[in-house]
Amino acid sequence: MELFESLKQKIDGKNLRIVFPEATDARILKAAARLHQEKILEPVFLGNPKQVQAAAQSATVDISDITILDPDNYAEFDQMVSAFVERRHGKNTAEQAQQMLRDPNYFGTMLVYLDQVDGMVSGAIHPTGDTVRPALQIIKVKPGLTRTSGAFIMQKDDQRYLFADCAININPNAQELAEIAVTSAKTAQLFDIDPKVAMLSFSTKGSAKGDEVTKVAEATKLAHEMDSEVVLDGELQFDAAFVPTVAQQKAPDSQVAGQATVFVFPELQSGNIGYKIAQRFGGFEAIGPILQGLNKPVSDLSRGCNEEDVYKLALITAAQALQN
């Protein structure tokens, strides 16, 4: 089944609410209105109602039935401030919290944390840090993890793979790389990908030496210890992970080589380059980045996104909320 039709079926009838902090942006307005009209999920906008409605009118979008929350006039703002201070364990005073929660990304993230909504989609006009920082401070990562990571679904015709980390961690150590691998396997399942995880390197099973190779080999061992049920192997060169004939030569005893569906890159540089090569040379659609590892879903758009990107990432976010 086509990916997004599958996601729609999973979330249909679940009454999931997704908050959009950038509610004066035409791309956000159009995508959210479409989701609302199709009755797939319930959007919630943040901002000054008059400004949001004016932006919608300018974009010729009907948002008359969509909830708009104004952080500057929110009836439960004091309770939110108290909850934020408690969550931050004294790192911020009530006065600081009042100021921070006027920021739509902090306000939206608190709505997720307090279960007023099921997830958040932001980043169309804000840099990644403005979306991710509140999520890490408030929602935080799942037990057993030390950080979030960014995955891309790579899709072309009937082919579907997952690449990680291509967005967040510049140079993860072995423990962090193992966490990315295990988390990516769970993300893959959400998108109907049978996870066979390849820990990528410029070496296959000791064919080359170096600290970079040692890191990936150690990460492979740690990932097995974290979750022995994940089908995972490394270190593997990309051709050994992907091409069956090469796998027979380089790693004949591997359960993953030649049939990998999840590709874990050793650091951000190679991950970012790798997914863009697949996208531009290979003609794959790159869907993401999908933030994984958080207790509740927050998704970060690219500032170059279009309406369709917003629509699709909202569906992904709702599906993550359902999985959680």
C-alpha atoms as a PDB file:
ATOM      1  CA  MET A   1       0.000   0.000   0.000  1.00  0.00           C
ATOM      2  CA  GLU A   2       1.156   3.559  -0.738  1.00  0.00           C
ATOM      3  CA  LEU A   3       2.866   4.963   2.364  1.00  0.00           C
ATOM      4  CA  PHE A   4       0.552   7.845   3.156  1.00  0.00           C
ATOM      5  CA  GLU A   5      -2.619   5.908   2.432  1.00  0.00           C
ATOM      6  CA  SER A   6      -1.361   3.354   4.953  1.00  0.00           C
ATOM      7  CA  LEU A   7      -0.724   6.103   7.519  1.00  0.00           C
ATOM      8  CA  LYS A   8      -4.189   7.558   6.944  1.00  0.00           C
ATOM      9  CA  GLN A   9      -5.759   4.184   7.636  1.00  0.00           C
ATOM     10  CA  LYS A  10      -3.764   3.861  10.863  1.00  0.00           C
ATOM     11  CA  ILE A  11      -4.837   7.241  12.246  1.00  0.00           C
ATOM     12  CA  ASP A  12      -8.367   7.385  10.834  1.00  0.00           C
ATOM     13  CA  GLY A  13     -10.989   7.782  13.540  1.00  0.00           C
ATOM     14  CA  LYS A  14      -8.433   8.257  16.341  1.00  0.00           C
ATOM     15  CA  ASN A  15      -9.248  11.992  16.779  1.00  0.00           C
ATOM     16  CA  LEU A  16      -5.583  12.937  16.960  1.00  0.00           C
ATOM     17  CA  ARG A  17      -4.752  16.629  17.448  1.00  0.00           C
ATOM     18  CA  ILE A  18      -1.638  18.216  15.909  1.00  0.00           C
ATOM     19  CA  VAL A  19      -0.543  21.745  16.831  1.00  0.00           C
ATOM     20  CA  PHE A  20       0.953  24.132  14.257  1.00  0.00           C
ATOM     21  CA  PRO A  21       2.831  27.070  15.857  1.00  0.00           C
ATOM     22  CA  GLU A  22       3.421  28.832  12.506  1.00  0.00           C
ATOM     23  CA  ALA A  23      -0.221  29.535  11.753  1.00  0.00           C
ATOM     24  CA  THR A  24       0.259  32.663   9.625  1.00  0.00           C
ATOM     25  CA  ASP A  25       2.268  30.781   7.003  1.00  0.00           C
ATOM     26  CA  ALA A  26       0.234  29.971   3.870  1.00  0.00           C
ATOM     27  CA  ARG A  27       1.797  26.516   3.489  1.00  0.00           C
ATOM     28  CA  ILE A  28       0.773  25.587   7.039  1.00  0.00           C
ATOM     29  CA  LEU A  29      -2.725  27.006   6.638  1.00  0.00           C
ATOM     30  CA  LYS A  30      -3.390  25.161   3.380  1.00  0.00           C
ATOM     31  CA  ALA A  31      -2.047  21.800   4.579  1.00  0.00           C
ATOM     32  CA  ALA A  32      -3.859  21.967   7.922  1.00  0.00           C
ATOM     33  CA  ALA A  33      -7.132  23.005   6.306  1.00  0.00           C
ATOM     34  CA  ARG A  34      -6.828  20.069   3.915  1.00  0.00           C
ATOM     35  CA  LEU A  35      -6.255  17.633   6.786  1.00  0.00           C
ATOM     36  CA  HIS A  36      -9.233  19.091   8.621  1.00  0.00           C
ATOM     37  CA  GLN A  37     -11.473  18.946   5.564  1.00  0.00           C
ATOM     38  CA  GLU A  38     -10.547  15.294   4.966  1.00  0.00           C
ATOM     39  CA  LYS A  39     -11.282  14.588   8.664  1.00  0.00           C
ATOM     40  CA  ILE A  40      -7.947  12.811   9.072  1.00  0.00           C
ATOM     41  CA  LEU A  41      -6.854  14.709  12.168  1.00  0.00           C
ATOM     42  CA  GLU A  42      -7.717  17.869  14.085  1.00  0.00           C
ATOM     43  CA  PRO A  43      -5.319  20.804  13.552  1.00  0.00           C
ATOM     44  CA  VAL A  44      -4.737  23.399  16.262  1.00  0.00           C
ATOM     45  CA  PHE A  45      -3.258  26.789  15.323  1.00  0.00           C
ATOM     46  CA  LEU A  46      -1.193  29.053  17.582  1.00  0.00           C
ATOM     47  CA  GLY A  47      -1.166  32.833  17.272  1.00  0.00           C
ATOM     48  CA  ASN A  48      -3.187  35.987  17.436  1.00  0.00           C
ATOM     49  CA  PRO A  49      -6.611  34.984  16.061  1.00  0.00           C
ATOM     50  CA  LYS A  50      -7.037  38.163  13.993  1.00  0.00           C
ATOM     51  CA  GLN A  51      -3.615  37.748  12.409  1.00  0.00           C
ATOM     52  CA  VAL A  52      -4.187  34.052  11.705  1.00  0.00           C
ATOM     53  CA  GLN A  53      -7.595  34.703  10.169  1.00  0.00           C
ATOM     54  CA  ALA A  54      -6.180  37.547   8.064  1.00  0.00           C
ATOM     55  CA  ALA A  55      -3.416  35.248   6.785  1.00  0.00           C
ATOM     56  CA  ALA A  56      -5.990  32.579   5.966  1.00  0.00           C
ATOM     57  CA  GLN A  57      -8.119  35.077   4.080  1.00  0.00           C
ATOM     58  CA  SER A  58      -5.071  36.208   2.114  1.00  0.00           C
ATOM     59  CA  ALA A  59      -4.278  32.567   1.272  1.00  0.00           C
ATOM     60  CA  THR A  60      -7.969  31.938   0.412  1.00  0.00           C
ATOM     61  CA  VAL A  61      -8.226  29.182   3.019  1.00  0.00           C
ATOM     62  CA  ASP A  62     -11.291  28.451   5.137  1.00  0.00           C
ATOM     63  CA  ILE A  63     -10.242  27.868   8.753  1.00  0.00           C
ATOM     64  CA  SER A  64     -13.548  28.785  10.366  1.00  0.00           C
ATOM     65  CA  ASP A  65     -13.876  25.416  12.139  1.00  0.00           C
ATOM     66  CA  ILE A  66     -10.238  25.108  13.264  1.00  0.00           C
ATOM     67  CA  THR A  67      -9.191  25.942  16.833  1.00  0.00           C
ATOM     68  CA  ILE A  68      -6.847  28.910  17.297  1.00  0.00           C
ATOM     69  CA  LEU A  69      -5.051  29.288  20.643  1.00  0.00           C
ATOM     70  CA  ASP A  70      -3.433  32.591  21.536  1.00  0.00           C
ATOM     71  CA  PRO A  71      -0.438  32.232  23.904  1.00  0.00           C
ATOM     72  CA  ASP A  72      -0.975  35.860  24.985  1.00  0.00           C
ATOM     73  CA  ASN A  73      -4.567  35.174  26.025  1.00  0.00           C
ATOM     74  CA  TYR A  74      -4.643  31.575  27.196  1.00  0.00           C
ATOM     75  CA  ALA A  75      -6.930  30.837  30.145  1.00  0.00           C
ATOM     76  CA  GLU A  76      -4.664  28.132  31.574  1.00  0.00           C
ATOM     77  CA  PHE A  77      -1.390  30.011  31.074  1.00  0.00           C
ATOM     78  CA  ASP A  78      -0.533  30.179  34.794  1.00  0.00           C
ATOM     79  CA  GLN A  79      -0.972  26.414  35.147  1.00  0.00           C
ATOM     80  CA  MET A  80       1.254  25.911  32.100  1.00  0.00           C
ATOM     81  CA  VAL A  81       3.935  28.125  33.644  1.00  0.00           C
ATOM     82  CA  SER A  82       3.864  26.083  36.858  1.00  0.00           C
ATOM     83  CA  ALA A  83       4.083  22.816  34.926  1.00  0.00           C
ATOM     84  CA  PHE A  84       7.010  24.156  32.898  1.00  0.00           C
ATOM     85  CA  VAL A  85       8.951  25.254  35.988  1.00  0.00           C
ATOM     86  CA  GLU A  86       8.371  21.842  37.564  1.00  0.00           C
ATOM     87  CA  ARG A  87       9.458  20.044  34.406  1.00  0.00           C
ATOM     88  CA  ARG A  88      12.639  22.121  34.201  1.00  0.00           C
ATOM     89  CA  HIS A  89      13.543  21.200  37.802  1.00  0.00           C
ATOM     90  CA  GLY A  90      14.398  24.751  38.817  1.00  0.00           C
ATOM     91  CA  LYS A  91      16.488  25.592  35.745  1.00  0.00           C
ATOM     92  CA  ASN A  92      14.029  28.371  34.904  1.00  0.00           C
ATOM     93  CA  THR A  93      12.140  30.714  37.202  1.00  0.00           C
ATOM     94  CA  ALA A  94       8.426  31.454  36.856  1.00  0.00           C
ATOM     95  CA  GLU A  95       9.309  34.835  35.360  1.00  0.00           C
ATOM     96  CA  GLN A  96      11.569  33.204  32.773  1.00  0.00           C
ATOM     97  CA  ALA A  97       8.898  30.600  32.031  1.00  0.00           C
ATOM     98  CA  GLN A  98       6.309  33.302  31.362  1.00  0.00           C
ATOM     99  CA  GLN A  99       8.620  34.854  28.797  1.00  0.00           C
ATOM    100  CA  MET A 100       9.656  31.563  27.192  1.00  0.00           C
ATOM    101  CA  LEU A 101       6.099  30.300  26.859  1.00  0.00           C
ATOM    102  CA  ARG A 102       5.161  33.342  24.769  1.00  0.00           C
ATOM    103  CA  ASP A 103       7.323  31.677  22.125  1.00  0.00           C
ATOM    104  CA  PRO A 104       4.960  29.567  19.989  1.00  0.00           C
ATOM    105  CA  ASN A 105       7.354  26.597  19.835  1.00  0.00           C
ATOM    106  CA  TYR A 106       7.682  26.431  23.618  1.00  0.00           C
ATOM    107  CA  PHE A 107       3.941  26.941  24.023  1.00  0.00           C
ATOM    108  CA  GLY A 108       3.147  24.249  21.463  1.00  0.00           C
ATOM    109  CA  THR A 109       5.618  21.815  22.998  1.00  0.00           C
ATOM    110  CA  MET A 110       3.995  22.306  26.406  1.00  0.00           C
ATOM    111  CA  LEU A 111       0.605  21.521  24.871  1.00  0.00           C
ATOM    112  CA  VAL A 112       2.094  18.215  23.683  1.00  0.00           C
ATOM    113  CA  TYR A 113       3.659  17.528  27.083  1.00  0.00           C
ATOM    114  CA  LEU A 114       0.377  18.261  28.889  1.00  0.00           C
ATOM    115  CA  ASP A 115      -1.576  15.976  26.515  1.00  0.00           C
ATOM    116  CA  GLN A 116      -3.664  18.853  25.195  1.00  0.00           C
ATOM    117  CA  VAL A 117      -2.524  17.800  21.718  1.00  0.00           C
ATOM    118  CA  ASP A 118      -0.858  14.641  20.400  1.00  0.00           C
ATOM    119  CA  GLY A 119       2.044  16.134  18.475  1.00  0.00           C
ATOM    120  CA  MET A 120       3.566  19.285  16.965  1.00  0.00           C
ATOM    121  CA  VAL A 121       4.754  20.263  13.476  1.00  0.00           C
ATOM    122  CA  SER A 122       6.986  23.334  13.145  1.00  0.00           C
ATOM    123  CA  GLY A 123      10.045  24.560  11.248  1.00  0.00           C
ATOM    124  CA  ALA A 124       8.526  26.167   8.138  1.00  0.00           C
ATOM    125  CA  ILE A 125       9.788  29.562   9.278  1.00  0.00           C
ATOM    126  CA  HIS A 126      11.906  28.616  12.311  1.00  0.00           C
ATOM    127  CA  PRO A 127      15.393  27.023  12.251  1.00  0.00           C
ATOM    128  CA  THR A 128      15.723  23.445  13.487  1.00  0.00           C
ATOM    129  CA  GLY A 129      17.117  24.486  16.866  1.00  0.00           C
ATOM    130  CA  ASP A 130      13.985  26.504  17.651  1.00  0.00           C
ATOM    131  CA  THR A 131      11.867  23.379  17.156  1.00  0.00           C
ATOM    132  CA  VAL A 132      14.156  20.757  18.683  1.00  0.00           C
ATOM    133  CA  ARG A 133      15.372  22.679  21.745  1.00  0.00           C
ATOM    134  CA  PRO A 134      11.969  22.939  23.479  1.00  0.00           C
ATOM    135  CA  ALA A 135      11.273  19.290  22.681  1.00  0.00           C
ATOM    136  CA  LEU A 136      14.512  18.170  24.329  1.00  0.00           C
ATOM    137  CA  GLN A 137      13.963  20.397  27.358  1.00  0.00           C
ATOM    138  CA  ILE A 138      10.296  19.538  27.926  1.00  0.00           C
ATOM    139  CA  ILE A 139       9.303  16.261  26.262  1.00  0.00           C
ATOM    140  CA  LYS A 140      12.776  14.703  26.449  1.00  0.00           C
ATOM    141  CA  VAL A 141      13.987  11.410  25.022  1.00  0.00           C
ATOM    142  CA  LYS A 142      12.627   7.985  25.855  1.00  0.00           C
ATOM    143  CA  PRO A 143      14.093   5.976  28.753  1.00  0.00           C
ATOM    144  CA  GLY A 144      17.369   4.321  27.786  1.00  0.00           C
ATOM    145  CA  LEU A 145      18.205   6.947  25.161  1.00  0.00           C
ATOM    146  CA  THR A 146      20.502   9.942  25.457  1.00  0.00           C
ATOM    147  CA  ARG A 147      19.427  11.914  22.387  1.00  0.00           C
ATOM    148  CA  THR A 148      17.037  12.271  19.507  1.00  0.00           C
ATOM    149  CA  SER A 149      18.023  11.626  15.881  1.00  0.00           C
ATOM    150  CA  GLY A 150      16.726  12.406  12.416  1.00  0.00           C
ATOM    151  CA  ALA A 151      15.629   9.785   9.895  1.00  0.00           C
ATOM    152  CA  PHE A 152      14.482   9.999   6.295  1.00  0.00           C
ATOM    153  CA  ILE A 153      12.137   7.623   4.519  1.00  0.00           C
ATOM    154  CA  MET A 154      13.542   7.100   1.020  1.00  0.00           C
ATOM    155  CA  GLN A 155      10.811   6.032  -1.391  1.00  0.00           C
ATOM    156  CA  LYS A 156      10.710   5.264  -5.106  1.00  0.00           C
ATOM    157  CA  ASP A 157       8.049   3.173  -6.865  1.00  0.00           C
ATOM    158  CA  ASP A 158       7.700   0.053  -4.686  1.00  0.00           C
ATOM    159  CA  GLN A 159      11.041   0.591  -2.904  1.00  0.00           C
ATOM    160  CA  ARG A 160      11.112   2.013   0.627  1.00  0.00           C
ATOM    161  CA  TYR A 161      14.119   2.402   2.925  1.00  0.00           C
ATOM    162  CA  LEU A 162      15.100   4.350   6.033  1.00  0.00           C
ATOM    163  CA  PHE A 163      18.307   6.413   6.357  1.00  0.00           C
ATOM    164  CA  ALA A 164      19.584   7.748   9.727  1.00  0.00           C
ATOM    165  CA  ASP A 165      20.972   9.920  11.201  1.00  0.00           C
ATOM    166  CA  CYS A 166      20.855  12.506   8.431  1.00  0.00           C
ATOM    167  CA  ALA A 167      19.793  15.588  10.375  1.00  0.00           C
ATOM    168  CA  ILE A 168      20.814  15.949  14.037  1.00  0.00           C
ATOM    169  CA  ASN A 169      23.970  14.336  15.464  1.00  0.00           C
ATOM    170  CA  ILE A 170      27.218  15.543  13.920  1.00  0.00           C
ATOM    171  CA  ASN A 171      29.560  12.790  15.133  1.00  0.00           C
ATOM    172  CA  PRO A 172      27.823  10.265  17.410  1.00  0.00           C
ATOM    173  CA  ASN A 173      29.967   7.963  19.524  1.00  0.00           C
ATOM    174  CA  ALA A 174      29.470   4.182  19.561  1.00  0.00           C
ATOM    175  CA  GLN A 175      26.771   4.268  22.259  1.00  0.00           C
ATOM    176  CA  GLU A 176      24.856   7.025  20.496  1.00  0.00           C
ATOM    177  CA  LEU A 177      25.184   5.235  17.155  1.00  0.00           C
ATOM    178  CA  ALA A 178      23.762   2.071  18.724  1.00  0.00           C
ATOM    179  CA  GLU A 179      20.790   4.047  20.045  1.00  0.00           C
ATOM    180  CA  ILE A 180      20.182   5.517  16.585  1.00  0.00           C
ATOM    181  CA  ALA A 181      20.213   2.022  15.094  1.00  0.00           C
ATOM    182  CA  VAL A 182      17.713   0.511  17.528  1.00  0.00           C
ATOM    183  CA  THR A 183      15.420   3.549  17.359  1.00  0.00           C
ATOM    184  CA  SER A 184      15.563   3.539  13.560  1.00  0.00           C
ATOM    185  CA  ALA A 185      14.425  -0.087  13.476  1.00  0.00           C
ATOM    186  CA  LYS A 186      11.313   0.873  15.444  1.00  0.00           C
ATOM    187  CA  THR A 187      10.678   3.865  13.183  1.00  0.00           C
ATOM    188  CA  ALA A 188      10.939   1.632  10.120  1.00  0.00           C
ATOM    189  CA  GLN A 189       8.189  -0.626  11.426  1.00  0.00           C
ATOM    190  CA  LEU A 190       5.834   2.346  11.680  1.00  0.00           C
ATOM    191  CA  PHE A 191       6.221   2.831   7.931  1.00  0.00           C
ATOM    192  CA  ASP A 192       5.713  -0.839   7.033  1.00  0.00           C
ATOM    193  CA  ILE A 193       9.431  -1.445   6.462  1.00  0.00           C
ATOM    194  CA  ASP A 194      10.709  -4.809   7.686  1.00  0.00           C
ATOM    195  CA  PRO A 195      13.830  -3.568   9.516  1.00  0.00           C
ATOM    196  CA  LYS A 196      17.131  -5.130   8.526  1.00  0.00           C
ATOM    197  CA  VAL A 197      19.662  -2.651   9.874  1.00  0.00           C
ATOM    198  CA  ALA A 198      23.055  -2.071   8.247  1.00  0.00           C
ATOM    199  CA  MET A 199      25.699  -0.205  10.250  1.00  0.00           C
ATOM    200  CA  LEU A 200      27.546   1.534   7.433  1.00  0.00           C
ATOM    201  CA  SER A 201      31.290   2.116   7.140  1.00  0.00           C
ATOM    202  CA  PHE A 202      34.081   2.198   4.555  1.00  0.00           C
ATOM    203  CA  SER A 203      34.960  -1.282   5.839  1.00  0.00           C
ATOM    204  CA  THR A 204      33.154  -4.626   5.719  1.00  0.00           C
ATOM    205  CA  LYS A 205      33.883  -7.031   8.569  1.00  0.00           C
ATOM    206  CA  GLY A 206      37.402  -5.796   9.220  1.00  0.00           C
ATOM    207  CA  SER A 207      38.475  -5.210   5.609  1.00  0.00           C
ATOM    208  CA  ALA A 208      39.901  -1.843   6.685  1.00  0.00           C
ATOM    209  CA  LYS A 209      41.241  -0.487   9.956  1.00  0.00           C
ATOM    210  CA  GLY A 210      40.848   2.811  11.758  1.00  0.00           C
ATOM    211  CA  ASP A 211      39.092   4.526  14.638  1.00  0.00           C
ATOM    212  CA  GLU A 212      36.025   5.161  12.469  1.00  0.00           C
ATOM    213  CA  VAL A 213      35.719   1.440  11.735  1.00  0.00           C
ATOM    214  CA  THR A 214      36.214   0.504  15.386  1.00  0.00           C
ATOM    215  CA  LYS A 215      33.405   2.890  16.365  1.00  0.00           C
ATOM    216  CA  VAL A 216      30.906   1.260  14.004  1.00  0.00           C
ATOM    217  CA  ALA A 217      31.924  -2.263  15.059  1.00  0.00           C
ATOM    218  CA  GLU A 218      31.507  -1.309  18.722  1.00  0.00           C
ATOM    219  CA  ALA A 219      28.154   0.338  17.984  1.00  0.00           C
ATOM    220  CA  THR A 220      26.980  -2.875  16.337  1.00  0.00           C
ATOM    221  CA  LYS A 221      27.863  -4.853  19.450  1.00  0.00           C
ATOM    222  CA  LEU A 222      26.138  -2.336  21.749  1.00  0.00           C
ATOM    223  CA  ALA A 223      23.002  -2.276  19.599  1.00  0.00           C
ATOM    224  CA  HIS A 224      22.707  -6.071  19.874  1.00  0.00           C
ATOM    225  CA  GLU A 225      22.976  -5.726  23.647  1.00  0.00           C
ATOM    226  CA  MET A 226      20.314  -2.998  23.712  1.00  0.00           C
ATOM    227  CA  ASP A 227      17.803  -5.050  21.716  1.00  0.00           C
ATOM    228  CA  SER A 228      18.728  -8.586  20.713  1.00  0.00           C
ATOM    229  CA  GLU A 229      15.590  -8.933  18.576  1.00  0.00           C
ATOM    230  CA  VAL A 230      16.618  -6.277  16.063  1.00  0.00           C
ATOM    231  CA  VAL A 231      18.074  -7.807  12.882  1.00  0.00           C
ATOM    232  CA  LEU A 232      21.263  -5.765  12.618  1.00  0.00           C
ATOM    233  CA  ASP A 233      24.809  -6.186  11.339  1.00  0.00           C
ATOM    234  CA  GLY A 234      27.989  -4.206  10.776  1.00  0.00           C
ATOM    235  CA  GLU A 235      30.309  -2.882   9.933  1.00  0.00           C
ATOM    236  CA  LEU A 236      29.224  -3.012   6.280  1.00  0.00           C
ATOM    237  CA  GLN A 237      30.092  -1.001   3.189  1.00  0.00           C
ATOM    238  CA  PHE A 238      27.033   0.224   1.332  1.00  0.00           C
ATOM    239  CA  ASP A 239      27.482  -2.161  -1.587  1.00  0.00           C
ATOM    240  CA  ALA A 240      27.799  -5.116   0.783  1.00  0.00           C
ATOM    241  CA  ALA A 241      24.669  -3.993   2.617  1.00  0.00           C
ATOM    242  CA  PHE A 242      22.596  -3.459  -0.511  1.00  0.00           C
ATOM    243  CA  VAL A 243      23.785  -5.685  -3.376  1.00  0.00           C
ATOM    244  CA  PRO A 244      23.225  -9.471  -2.904  1.00  0.00           C
ATOM    245  CA  THR A 245      26.107 -10.525  -5.152  1.00  0.00           C
ATOM    246  CA  VAL A 246      28.555  -8.254  -3.332  1.00  0.00           C
ATOM    247  CA  ALA A 247      27.202  -9.447   0.014  1.00  0.00           C
ATOM    248  CA  GLN A 248      27.963 -13.065  -0.953  1.00  0.00           C
ATOM    249  CA  GLN A 249      31.591 -12.108  -1.513  1.00  0.00           C
ATOM    250  CA  LYS A 250      32.139  -9.732   1.406  1.00  0.00           C
ATOM    251  CA  ALA A 251      29.789 -10.959   4.162  1.00  0.00           C
ATOM    252  CA  PRO A 252      28.337 -14.372   3.217  1.00  0.00           C
ATOM    253  CA  ASP A 253      27.218 -15.220   6.758  1.00  0.00           C
ATOM    254  CA  SER A 254      25.384 -11.956   7.427  1.00  0.00           C
ATOM    255  CA  GLN A 255      21.606 -11.840   8.025  1.00  0.00           C
ATOM    256  CA  VAL A 256      21.567  -8.245   6.751  1.00  0.00           C
ATOM    257  CA  ALA A 257      24.138  -7.942   3.958  1.00  0.00           C
ATOM    258  CA  GLY A 258      22.542  -7.730   0.527  1.00  0.00           C
ATOM    259  CA  GLN A 259      19.052  -7.161   1.926  1.00  0.00           C
ATOM    260  CA  ALA A 260      19.320  -4.146   4.251  1.00  0.00           C
ATOM    261  CA  THR A 261      16.320  -1.835   4.517  1.00  0.00           C
ATOM    262  CA  VAL A 262      17.579   0.502   7.266  1.00  0.00           C
ATOM    263  CA  PHE A 263      20.917   2.241   6.747  1.00  0.00           C
ATOM    264  CA  VAL A 264      22.677   3.819   9.750  1.00  0.00           C
ATOM    265  CA  PHE A 265      25.427   6.228   8.734  1.00  0.00           C
ATOM    266  CA  PRO A 266      28.516   6.625  10.954  1.00  0.00           C
ATOM    267  CA  GLU A 267      28.203  10.423  11.211  1.00  0.00           C
ATOM    268  CA  LEU A 268      26.067  13.290   9.952  1.00  0.00           C
ATOM    269  CA  GLN A 269      28.274  14.303   7.056  1.00  0.00           C
ATOM    270  CA  SER A 270      27.969  10.959   5.269  1.00  0.00           C
ATOM    271  CA  GLY A 271      24.286  10.620   6.188  1.00  0.00           C
ATOM    272  CA  ASN A 272      23.346  14.017   4.806  1.00  0.00           C
ATOM    273  CA  ILE A 273      25.384  13.471   1.635  1.00  0.00           C
ATOM    274  CA  GLY A 274      24.044   9.938   1.233  1.00  0.00           C
ATOM    275  CA  TYR A 275      20.353  10.759   1.336  1.00  0.00           C
ATOM    276  CA  LYS A 276      20.811  13.698  -1.041  1.00  0.00           C
ATOM    277  CA  ILE A 277      22.692  11.527  -3.553  1.00  0.00           C
ATOM    278  CA  ALA A 278      19.847   8.990  -3.441  1.00  0.00           C
ATOM    279  CA  GLN A 279      17.359  11.838  -3.847  1.00  0.00           C
ATOM    280  CA  ARG A 280      19.067  13.731  -6.664  1.00  0.00           C
ATOM    281  CA  PHE A 281      20.897  10.964  -8.567  1.00  0.00           C
ATOM    282  CA  GLY A 282      18.617   8.061  -7.755  1.00  0.00           C
ATOM    283  CA  GLY A 283      15.269   9.815  -8.010  1.00  0.00           C
ATOM    284  CA  PHE A 284      14.107   8.778  -4.531  1.00  0.00           C
ATOM    285  CA  GLU A 285      11.635  10.917  -2.623  1.00  0.00           C
ATOM    286  CA  ALA A 286      13.170  11.929   0.717  1.00  0.00           C
ATOM    287  CA  ILE A 287      10.492  12.183   3.415  1.00  0.00           C
ATOM    288  CA  GLY A 288      11.648  13.849   6.607  1.00  0.00           C
ATOM    289  CA  PRO A 289      13.543  14.561   8.697  1.00  0.00           C
ATOM    290  CA  ILE A 290      11.553  12.464  11.148  1.00  0.00           C
ATOM    291  CA  LEU A 291      12.640  13.165  14.729  1.00  0.00           C
ATOM    292  CA  GLN A 292      12.863   9.859  16.555  1.00  0.00           C
ATOM    293  CA  GLY A 293      13.483   8.919  20.165  1.00  0.00           C
ATOM    294  CA  LEU A 294      11.293  11.548  21.840  1.00  0.00           C
ATOM    295  CA  ASN A 295       8.656  10.583  24.412  1.00  0.00           C
ATOM    296  CA  LYS A 296       6.046  12.346  22.285  1.00  0.00           C
ATOM    297  CA  PRO A 297       6.318  13.424  18.651  1.00  0.00           C
ATOM    298  CA  VAL A 298       7.584  16.814  17.527  1.00  0.00           C
ATOM    299  CA  SER A 299       8.445  17.199  13.852  1.00  0.00           C
ATOM    300  CA  ASP A 300      10.759  19.684  12.175  1.00  0.00           C
ATOM    301  CA  LEU A 301       9.974  20.963   8.685  1.00  0.00           C
ATOM    302  CA  SER A 302      12.522  22.374   6.281  1.00  0.00           C
ATOM    303  CA  ARG A 303      12.174  26.111   5.735  1.00  0.00           C
ATOM    304  CA  GLY A 304      12.081  25.290   2.026  1.00  0.00           C
ATOM    305  CA  CYS A 305       9.066  23.026   2.455  1.00  0.00           C
ATOM    306  CA  ASN A 306       5.877  23.218   0.438  1.00  0.00           C
ATOM    307  CA  GLU A 307       2.257  22.528   1.345  1.00  0.00           C
ATOM    308  CA  GLU A 308       2.577  18.838   0.473  1.00  0.00           C
ATOM    309  CA  ASP A 309       5.576  18.451   2.789  1.00  0.00           C
ATOM    310  CA  VAL A 310       3.570  19.930   5.674  1.00  0.00           C
ATOM    311  CA  TYR A 311       0.634  17.644   4.913  1.00  0.00           C
ATOM    312  CA  LYS A 312       2.796  14.528   4.834  1.00  0.00           C
ATOM    313  CA  LEU A 313       4.829  15.370   7.946  1.00  0.00           C
ATOM    314  CA  ALA A 314       1.609  15.984   9.876  1.00  0.00           C
ATOM    315  CA  LEU A 315       0.437  12.483   8.930  1.00  0.00           C
ATOM    316  CA  ILE A 316       3.784  11.056  10.054  1.00  0.00           C
ATOM    317  CA  THR A 317       3.577  12.941  13.362  1.00  0.00           C
ATOM    318  CA  ALA A 318       0.073  11.648  14.013  1.00  0.00           C
ATOM    319  CA  ALA A 319       1.196   8.093  13.267  1.00  0.00           C
ATOM    320  CA  GLN A 320       4.123   8.484  15.687  1.00  0.00           C
ATOM    321  CA  ALA A 321       1.682   9.657  18.357  1.00  0.00           C
ATOM    322  CA  LEU A 322      -0.400   6.554  17.770  1.00  0.00           C
ATOM    323  CA  GLN A 323       2.670   4.327  18.038  1.00  0.00           C
ATOM    324  CA  ASN A 324       3.673   5.960  21.335  1.00  0.00           C
END
